[in-house]
Amino acid sequence: MTGPVEAAVRARLEPEAQLPTPTERATFQIGAMTSDALILLFGPKKTRTAISWACLEGIPDYLRGRQWVRVGANRDVQGDQDALDGYVKQFIKRQTADYVAVVLERAGIVELDRARPARVKLRS
């Protein structure tokens, strides 16, 4: 059964879409949308990274009741538990929170403040 985040992503994004990182210094690509995950492609080699729908579906609950939350993407495998990065790293131990924030912004799930440090909040 498709959840609301997956439905929003599928409705507003398409495979091969090029998206800017929050700093807009680089781009990444939507690779595919499988039944289990959203596949993102990073860098010139288009390295495949799967973000599970379970991870993405939990983000609205994580953000609910909070104001702006730092994206906080970093290479620490534990992530900052007060940032979106800490939530995402419970599912995948890679620096992906910045890309996830952009996808969710395009899907209409979050607002993204690109000023440093980048922050997100649940769209009202």
Protein backbone atom coordinates (compact mmCIF):
# COMPACT_ATOMS: atom_id res chain seq x y z
CA MET A 1 0.00 0.00 0.00
CA THR A 2 1.37 3.39 -1.02
CA GLY A 3 1.78 5.91 1.80
CA PRO A 4 1.19 9.67 1.46
CA VAL A 5 4.87 10.57 1.04
CA GLU A 6 5.41 7.95 -1.65
CA ALA A 7 2.24 9.09 -3.43
CA ALA A 8 3.39 12.73 -3.35
CA VAL A 9 6.87 11.84 -4.62
CA ARG A 10 5.46 9.72 -7.44
CA ALA A 11 2.98 12.47 -8.40
CA ARG A 12 5.52 15.30 -8.53
CA LEU A 13 8.83 13.72 -9.54
CA GLU A 14 9.86 11.48 -12.40
CA PRO A 15 12.80 9.18 -12.97
CA GLU A 16 15.74 10.99 -14.57
CA ALA A 17 14.69 14.34 -13.05
CA GLN A 18 17.75 16.46 -12.20
CA LEU A 19 17.52 18.22 -8.83
CA PRO A 20 19.86 20.75 -7.18
CA THR A 21 21.43 20.10 -3.81
CA PRO A 22 20.28 22.55 -1.10
CA THR A 23 23.37 24.71 -1.72
CA GLU A 24 22.70 24.49 -5.47
CA ARG A 25 26.41 23.78 -6.07
CA ALA A 26 25.72 20.34 -7.52
CA THR A 27 22.87 18.23 -8.84
CA PHE A 28 21.63 14.72 -8.34
CA GLN A 29 19.13 12.60 -10.22
CA ILE A 30 16.07 10.51 -9.50
CA GLY A 31 17.08 7.04 -10.68
CA ALA A 32 13.92 5.02 -10.16
CA MET A 33 10.97 4.47 -7.88
CA THR A 34 10.62 0.82 -6.94
CA SER A 35 8.02 -0.76 -4.71
CA ASP A 36 10.51 -0.62 -1.80
CA ALA A 37 12.57 2.52 -2.32
CA LEU A 38 13.35 5.75 -4.08
CA ILE A 39 16.64 5.35 -5.95
CA LEU A 40 18.80 8.48 -6.13
CA LEU A 41 21.89 8.87 -8.33
CA PHE A 42 24.80 10.91 -6.95
CA GLY A 43 27.84 12.45 -8.59
CA PRO A 44 29.35 12.09 -12.04
CA LYS A 45 29.35 8.28 -11.73
CA LYS A 46 25.64 8.34 -10.79
CA THR A 47 26.19 6.21 -7.71
CA ARG A 48 22.90 4.48 -6.84
CA THR A 49 21.54 5.01 -3.33
CA ALA A 50 18.21 3.55 -2.22
CA ILE A 51 16.13 5.47 0.32
CA SER A 52 13.36 3.21 1.61
CA TRP A 53 9.78 4.39 1.50
CA ALA A 54 9.59 3.44 5.19
CA CYS A 55 12.29 6.04 5.92
CA LEU A 56 10.58 8.71 3.85
CA GLU A 57 7.12 7.97 5.27
CA GLY A 58 8.42 8.53 8.81
CA ILE A 59 9.80 12.00 8.18
CA PRO A 60 6.49 13.89 8.58
CA ASP A 61 6.02 12.30 12.03
CA TYR A 62 9.62 13.16 12.90
CA LEU A 63 9.05 16.82 11.94
CA ARG A 64 5.50 17.16 13.31
CA GLY A 65 5.31 19.60 16.23
CA ARG A 66 8.74 21.08 15.51
CA GLN A 67 9.63 24.36 13.94
CA TRP A 68 12.68 24.52 11.67
CA VAL A 69 14.97 21.47 11.94
CA ARG A 70 18.53 21.54 10.61
CA VAL A 71 19.20 19.21 7.70
CA GLY A 72 22.64 18.61 9.23
CA ALA A 73 23.96 16.25 6.55
CA ASN A 74 27.44 15.03 7.45
CA ARG A 75 29.64 11.99 7.05
CA ASP A 76 29.32 10.83 10.69
CA VAL A 77 27.52 7.46 10.47
CA GLN A 78 25.52 8.23 13.62
CA GLY A 79 24.35 11.62 12.42
CA ASP A 80 23.19 14.48 14.60
CA GLN A 81 20.09 13.27 16.42
CA ASP A 82 18.70 16.83 16.52
CA ALA A 83 18.84 17.09 12.73
CA LEU A 84 17.08 15.41 9.82
CA ASP A 85 20.39 13.63 9.18
CA GLY A 86 20.10 11.75 12.48
CA TYR A 87 16.65 10.49 11.57
CA VAL A 88 17.67 9.39 8.06
CA LYS A 89 20.80 7.63 9.35
CA GLN A 90 18.61 5.25 11.32
CA PHE A 91 17.80 3.78 7.88
CA ILE A 92 20.90 4.43 5.76
CA LYS A 93 24.43 5.19 6.95
CA ARG A 94 25.29 7.61 4.14
CA GLN A 95 25.20 11.37 3.80
CA THR A 96 21.78 11.69 2.17
CA ALA A 97 19.66 14.05 4.31
CA ASP A 98 20.37 17.04 2.05
CA TYR A 99 19.13 15.12 -1.00
CA VAL A 100 16.11 13.79 0.90
CA ALA A 101 15.21 17.36 1.93
CA VAL A 102 15.17 18.48 -1.72
CA VAL A 103 13.03 15.51 -2.80
CA LEU A 104 10.53 16.19 -0.02
CA GLU A 105 10.43 19.88 -0.89
CA ARG A 106 9.65 19.07 -4.54
CA ALA A 107 6.98 16.62 -3.37
CA GLY A 108 5.32 19.37 -1.32
CA ILE A 109 5.98 17.66 2.04
CA VAL A 110 8.44 20.15 3.56
CA GLU A 111 9.60 23.72 3.23
CA LEU A 112 13.36 23.99 2.71
CA ASP A 113 15.35 27.01 3.90
CA ARG A 114 18.58 26.89 1.88
CA ALA A 115 20.41 29.49 3.97
CA ARG A 116 23.29 27.97 5.93
CA PRO A 117 22.70 25.87 7.85
CA ALA A 118 19.92 24.43 5.64
CA ARG A 119 16.72 23.68 7.53
CA VAL A 120 13.37 22.00 6.89
CA LYS A 121 9.93 22.11 8.42
CA LEU A 122 6.74 20.28 7.68
CA ARG A 123 4.63 22.18 5.16
CA SER A 124 1.43 23.42 6.75
